[in-house]
Amino acid sequence: MVGDGLNDTATLAAAHASIAPASALDASRSASYIVILKDSFEELPLLMRIAGLARSLSQQNFATATIYNGILIRIALAGYATPLAAALAMLISSITVFLNSQRIRLVQ
């Protein structure tokens, strides 16, 4: 839901996702999940692209971590990994997830 007036406040509060500009009434801004600091919605398509990419990257990171840990936990339980190797594996996993999430900076 996108709105800026007093009549939009209840709908903004009830919506799963709501956006209001900085020029909206205080009640509308308070009820919104996102407040765009500009007075217009011209950046809304960029916001939607960022939101879509954030969701995609979160799913990728979750899948990567699940597969990576699923394999390496079995190796550790079998006794083939030393504590140092396990710590390095977790470090590499964390760095991989972090670097993948940094791709969100490429959105224009």
N, C-alpha and C. Protein backbone atom coordinates (compact mmCIF):
# COMPACT_ATOMS: atom_id res chain seq x y z
N MET A 1 0.86 -1.18 0.00
CA MET A 1 0.00 0.00 0.00
C MET A 1 0.89 1.23 0.00
N VAL A 2 0.55 2.18 -0.81
CA VAL A 2 1.25 3.46 -0.87
C VAL A 2 0.24 4.54 -0.58
N GLY A 3 0.55 5.41 0.39
CA GLY A 3 -0.39 6.48 0.73
C GLY A 3 0.29 7.59 1.50
N ASP A 4 -0.41 8.74 1.55
CA ASP A 4 0.18 9.88 2.25
C ASP A 4 -0.81 10.69 3.08
N GLY A 5 -2.07 10.35 3.04
CA GLY A 5 -3.07 11.15 3.73
C GLY A 5 -3.62 10.49 4.97
N LEU A 6 -4.44 11.23 5.70
CA LEU A 6 -5.04 10.72 6.93
C LEU A 6 -5.99 9.57 6.63
N ASN A 7 -6.66 9.62 5.47
CA ASN A 7 -7.58 8.56 5.12
C ASN A 7 -6.85 7.26 4.76
N ASP A 8 -5.55 7.31 4.53
CA ASP A 8 -4.77 6.12 4.20
C ASP A 8 -4.17 5.44 5.43
N THR A 9 -4.22 6.08 6.57
CA THR A 9 -3.51 5.60 7.76
C THR A 9 -3.94 4.19 8.18
N ALA A 10 -5.22 3.92 8.23
CA ALA A 10 -5.69 2.59 8.66
C ALA A 10 -5.27 1.51 7.68
N THR A 11 -5.34 1.82 6.39
CA THR A 11 -4.93 0.84 5.38
C THR A 11 -3.43 0.62 5.41
N LEU A 12 -2.65 1.69 5.61
CA LEU A 12 -1.20 1.55 5.72
C LEU A 12 -0.83 0.67 6.90
N ALA A 13 -1.52 0.83 8.01
CA ALA A 13 -1.24 0.04 9.21
C ALA A 13 -1.63 -1.42 9.02
N ALA A 14 -2.68 -1.69 8.27
CA ALA A 14 -3.17 -3.05 8.09
C ALA A 14 -2.44 -3.81 6.98
N ALA A 15 -1.76 -3.09 6.10
CA ALA A 15 -1.11 -3.72 4.95
C ALA A 15 0.11 -4.54 5.37
N HIS A 16 0.43 -5.55 4.57
CA HIS A 16 1.64 -6.34 4.81
C HIS A 16 2.89 -5.51 4.56
N ALA A 17 2.82 -4.61 3.61
CA ALA A 17 3.92 -3.69 3.31
C ALA A 17 3.32 -2.35 2.93
N SER A 18 3.83 -1.28 3.51
CA SER A 18 3.28 0.04 3.21
C SER A 18 4.39 1.06 3.11
N ILE A 19 4.16 2.06 2.24
CA ILE A 19 5.16 3.08 1.96
C ILE A 19 4.48 4.44 2.00
N ALA A 20 5.17 5.41 2.58
CA ALA A 20 4.67 6.79 2.61
C ALA A 20 5.84 7.72 2.32
N PRO A 21 5.58 8.85 1.67
CA PRO A 21 6.66 9.82 1.44
C PRO A 21 6.93 10.63 2.71
N ALA A 22 8.06 11.32 2.72
CA ALA A 22 8.42 12.14 3.88
C ALA A 22 7.44 13.28 4.10
N SER A 23 6.75 13.70 3.04
CA SER A 23 5.80 14.81 3.15
C SER A 23 4.43 14.37 3.66
N ALA A 24 4.25 13.09 3.93
CA ALA A 24 2.95 12.58 4.41
C ALA A 24 2.67 13.06 5.83
N LEU A 25 1.42 12.93 6.23
CA LEU A 25 1.05 13.27 7.61
C LEU A 25 1.80 12.37 8.59
N ASP A 26 1.98 12.86 9.80
CA ASP A 26 2.69 12.09 10.83
C ASP A 26 2.06 10.73 11.06
N ALA A 27 0.75 10.68 11.08
CA ALA A 27 0.05 9.41 11.32
C ALA A 27 0.33 8.42 10.19
N SER A 28 0.36 8.89 8.96
CA SER A 28 0.65 8.01 7.82
C SER A 28 2.08 7.52 7.85
N ARG A 29 3.01 8.41 8.18
CA ARG A 29 4.42 8.00 8.28
C ARG A 29 4.62 6.98 9.39
N SER A 30 3.95 7.18 10.51
CA SER A 30 4.09 6.25 11.64
C SER A 30 3.50 4.88 11.32
N ALA A 31 2.45 4.85 10.53
CA ALA A 31 1.79 3.58 10.21
C ALA A 31 2.51 2.81 9.10
N SER A 32 3.40 3.48 8.37
CA SER A 32 4.09 2.86 7.24
C SER A 32 5.31 2.08 7.69
N TYR A 33 5.59 1.02 6.93
CA TYR A 33 6.81 0.25 7.18
C TYR A 33 8.02 0.95 6.59
N ILE A 34 7.81 1.67 5.48
CA ILE A 34 8.90 2.37 4.80
C ILE A 34 8.47 3.82 4.59
N VAL A 35 9.38 4.75 4.90
CA VAL A 35 9.16 6.16 4.62
C VAL A 35 10.24 6.59 3.63
N ILE A 36 9.80 7.02 2.45
CA ILE A 36 10.74 7.51 1.44
C ILE A 36 11.07 8.95 1.79
N LEU A 37 12.35 9.26 1.88
CA LEU A 37 12.76 10.58 2.35
C LEU A 37 12.52 11.68 1.32
N LYS A 38 12.32 11.32 0.08
CA LYS A 38 11.99 12.32 -0.92
C LYS A 38 10.47 12.53 -0.94
N ASP A 39 10.05 13.63 -1.55
CA ASP A 39 8.61 13.95 -1.58
C ASP A 39 7.87 13.24 -2.71
N SER A 40 8.58 12.55 -3.57
CA SER A 40 7.91 11.87 -4.68
C SER A 40 8.23 10.37 -4.63
N PHE A 41 7.49 9.63 -5.44
CA PHE A 41 7.68 8.18 -5.49
C PHE A 41 8.49 7.75 -6.71
N GLU A 42 9.29 8.63 -7.28
CA GLU A 42 10.04 8.28 -8.48
C GLU A 42 11.10 7.22 -8.21
N GLU A 43 11.52 7.04 -6.96
CA GLU A 43 12.51 6.01 -6.61
C GLU A 43 11.85 4.68 -6.25
N LEU A 44 10.53 4.61 -6.35
CA LEU A 44 9.82 3.38 -5.99
C LEU A 44 10.23 2.17 -6.83
N PRO A 45 10.45 2.29 -8.15
CA PRO A 45 10.93 1.13 -8.91
C PRO A 45 12.28 0.61 -8.41
N LEU A 46 13.18 1.53 -8.03
CA LEU A 46 14.47 1.12 -7.47
C LEU A 46 14.27 0.38 -6.16
N LEU A 47 13.37 0.88 -5.33
CA LEU A 47 13.07 0.23 -4.06
C LEU A 47 12.55 -1.19 -4.28
N MET A 48 11.71 -1.36 -5.28
CA MET A 48 11.17 -2.69 -5.58
C MET A 48 12.27 -3.63 -6.09
N ARG A 49 13.19 -3.11 -6.91
CA ARG A 49 14.31 -3.94 -7.39
C ARG A 49 15.20 -4.36 -6.24
N ILE A 50 15.48 -3.43 -5.33
CA ILE A 50 16.32 -3.74 -4.17
C ILE A 50 15.65 -4.79 -3.30
N ALA A 51 14.35 -4.65 -3.08
CA ALA A 51 13.61 -5.62 -2.26
C ALA A 51 13.63 -7.00 -2.90
N GLY A 52 13.43 -7.06 -4.22
CA GLY A 52 13.47 -8.35 -4.91
C GLY A 52 14.83 -9.00 -4.85
N LEU A 53 15.88 -8.20 -5.04
CA LEU A 53 17.24 -8.74 -4.98
C LEU A 53 17.59 -9.17 -3.55
N ALA A 54 17.13 -8.41 -2.56
CA ALA A 54 17.39 -8.79 -1.17
C ALA A 54 16.77 -10.14 -0.85
N ARG A 55 15.56 -10.36 -1.33
CA ARG A 55 14.91 -11.65 -1.10
C ARG A 55 15.66 -12.77 -1.81
N SER A 56 16.05 -12.53 -3.04
CA SER A 56 16.78 -13.53 -3.82
C SER A 56 18.12 -13.86 -3.16
N LEU A 57 18.84 -12.83 -2.72
CA LEU A 57 20.13 -13.06 -2.07
C LEU A 57 19.97 -13.79 -0.74
N SER A 58 18.91 -13.48 -0.01
CA SER A 58 18.67 -14.18 1.26
C SER A 58 18.42 -15.67 1.01
N GLN A 59 17.64 -15.98 -0.02
CA GLN A 59 17.37 -17.38 -0.36
C GLN A 59 18.65 -18.08 -0.81
N GLN A 60 19.47 -17.40 -1.61
CA GLN A 60 20.74 -17.98 -2.05
C GLN A 60 21.66 -18.24 -0.86
N ASN A 61 21.74 -17.26 0.04
CA ASN A 61 22.61 -17.42 1.21
C ASN A 61 22.15 -18.57 2.10
N PHE A 62 20.85 -18.68 2.27
CA PHE A 62 20.32 -19.78 3.09
C PHE A 62 20.62 -21.12 2.45
N ALA A 63 20.42 -21.22 1.13
CA ALA A 63 20.69 -22.48 0.43
C ALA A 63 22.18 -22.83 0.48
N THR A 64 23.02 -21.83 0.25
CA THR A 64 24.47 -22.05 0.29
C THR A 64 24.91 -22.54 1.67
N ALA A 65 24.45 -21.87 2.70
CA ALA A 65 24.84 -22.24 4.06
C ALA A 65 24.30 -23.62 4.43
N THR A 66 23.09 -23.94 4.00
CA THR A 66 22.51 -25.25 4.31
C THR A 66 23.30 -26.37 3.65
N ILE A 67 23.59 -26.21 2.37
CA ILE A 67 24.35 -27.25 1.65
C ILE A 67 25.76 -27.37 2.21
N TYR A 68 26.41 -26.24 2.39
CA TYR A 68 27.79 -26.21 2.88
C TYR A 68 27.89 -26.87 4.26
N ASN A 69 27.00 -26.45 5.16
CA ASN A 69 27.03 -27.01 6.52
C ASN A 69 26.57 -28.46 6.54
N GLY A 70 25.63 -28.81 5.70
CA GLY A 70 25.18 -30.20 5.64
C GLY A 70 26.30 -31.15 5.26
N ILE A 71 27.15 -30.73 4.35
CA ILE A 71 28.28 -31.56 3.93
C ILE A 71 29.36 -31.57 5.01
N LEU A 72 29.72 -30.38 5.49
CA LEU A 72 30.86 -30.29 6.41
C LEU A 72 30.54 -30.83 7.81
N ILE A 73 29.30 -30.77 8.23
CA ILE A 73 28.96 -31.33 9.54
C ILE A 73 29.12 -32.84 9.50
N ARG A 74 28.75 -33.45 8.39
CA ARG A 74 28.94 -34.91 8.26
C ARG A 74 30.43 -35.28 8.29
N ILE A 75 31.24 -34.47 7.64
CA ILE A 75 32.69 -34.72 7.65
C ILE A 75 33.23 -34.59 9.07
N ALA A 76 32.78 -33.58 9.80
CA ALA A 76 33.24 -33.37 11.18
C ALA A 76 32.77 -34.50 12.09
N LEU A 77 31.52 -34.93 11.93
CA LEU A 77 31.00 -36.02 12.77
C LEU A 77 31.71 -37.34 12.49
N ALA A 78 32.18 -37.50 11.27
CA ALA A 78 32.91 -38.72 10.93
C ALA A 78 34.33 -38.70 11.49
N GLY A 79 34.74 -37.56 12.00
CA GLY A 79 36.06 -37.46 12.62
C GLY A 79 37.16 -37.09 11.66
N TYR A 80 36.82 -36.62 10.46
CA TYR A 80 37.83 -36.27 9.47
C TYR A 80 38.26 -34.81 9.52
N ALA A 81 37.66 -34.04 10.39
CA ALA A 81 37.99 -32.61 10.46
C ALA A 81 38.56 -32.28 11.83
N THR A 82 39.68 -31.58 11.82
CA THR A 82 40.25 -31.10 13.08
C THR A 82 39.49 -29.83 13.49
N PRO A 83 39.62 -29.43 14.74
CA PRO A 83 38.95 -28.18 15.14
C PRO A 83 39.40 -26.97 14.31
N LEU A 84 40.67 -26.92 13.94
CA LEU A 84 41.15 -25.82 13.12
C LEU A 84 40.50 -25.85 11.74
N ALA A 85 40.41 -27.03 11.14
CA ALA A 85 39.78 -27.16 9.82
C ALA A 85 38.31 -26.78 9.90
N ALA A 86 37.62 -27.17 10.97
CA ALA A 86 36.22 -26.82 11.14
C ALA A 86 36.05 -25.31 11.29
N ALA A 87 36.94 -24.68 12.05
CA ALA A 87 36.87 -23.23 12.23
C ALA A 87 37.12 -22.51 10.90
N LEU A 88 38.09 -22.98 10.15
CA LEU A 88 38.36 -22.38 8.84
C LEU A 88 37.18 -22.57 7.88
N ALA A 89 36.56 -23.74 7.93
CA ALA A 89 35.40 -24.01 7.07
C ALA A 89 34.26 -23.07 7.41
N MET A 90 34.01 -22.84 8.69
CA MET A 90 32.94 -21.92 9.09
C MET A 90 33.28 -20.48 8.69
N LEU A 91 34.56 -20.12 8.78
CA LEU A 91 34.99 -18.79 8.36
C LEU A 91 34.75 -18.60 6.86
N ILE A 92 35.12 -19.60 6.08
CA ILE A 92 34.90 -19.53 4.64
C ILE A 92 33.41 -19.45 4.32
N SER A 93 32.60 -20.21 5.03
CA SER A 93 31.15 -20.17 4.83
C SER A 93 30.61 -18.77 5.12
N SER A 94 31.03 -18.18 6.21
CA SER A 94 30.55 -16.84 6.58
C SER A 94 31.00 -15.80 5.56
N ILE A 95 32.24 -15.90 5.11
CA ILE A 95 32.75 -14.94 4.12
C ILE A 95 31.99 -15.08 2.80
N THR A 96 31.70 -16.31 2.40
CA THR A 96 30.96 -16.55 1.17
C THR A 96 29.58 -15.91 1.23
N VAL A 97 28.88 -16.11 2.33
CA VAL A 97 27.54 -15.54 2.50
C VAL A 97 27.63 -14.01 2.52
N PHE A 98 28.62 -13.47 3.21
CA PHE A 98 28.79 -12.02 3.29
C PHE A 98 29.06 -11.43 1.91
N LEU A 99 29.98 -12.02 1.16
CA LEU A 99 30.31 -11.50 -0.16
C LEU A 99 29.12 -11.60 -1.11
N ASN A 100 28.36 -12.67 -1.03
CA ASN A 100 27.16 -12.78 -1.86
C ASN A 100 26.15 -11.69 -1.52
N SER A 101 25.99 -11.38 -0.26
CA SER A 101 25.03 -10.35 0.13
C SER A 101 25.49 -8.95 -0.28
N GLN A 102 26.78 -8.77 -0.49
CA GLN A 102 27.28 -7.46 -0.92
C GLN A 102 26.90 -7.13 -2.36
N ARG A 103 26.41 -8.12 -3.10
CA ARG A 103 25.96 -7.88 -4.47
C ARG A 103 24.79 -6.91 -4.53
N ILE A 104 24.12 -6.69 -3.41
CA ILE A 104 22.97 -5.77 -3.40
C ILE A 104 23.42 -4.35 -3.68
N ARG A 105 24.68 -4.06 -3.46
CA ARG A 105 25.22 -2.71 -3.73
C ARG A 105 25.27 -2.41 -5.23
N LEU A 106 25.14 -3.44 -6.07
CA LEU A 106 25.23 -3.25 -7.51
C LEU A 106 23.92 -2.80 -8.14
N VAL A 107 22.85 -2.75 -7.37
CA VAL A 107 21.54 -2.38 -7.91
C VAL A 107 21.53 -0.90 -8.25
N GLN A 108 21.03 -0.60 -9.45
CA GLN A 108 20.94 0.80 -9.87
C GLN A 108 19.55 1.11 -10.35
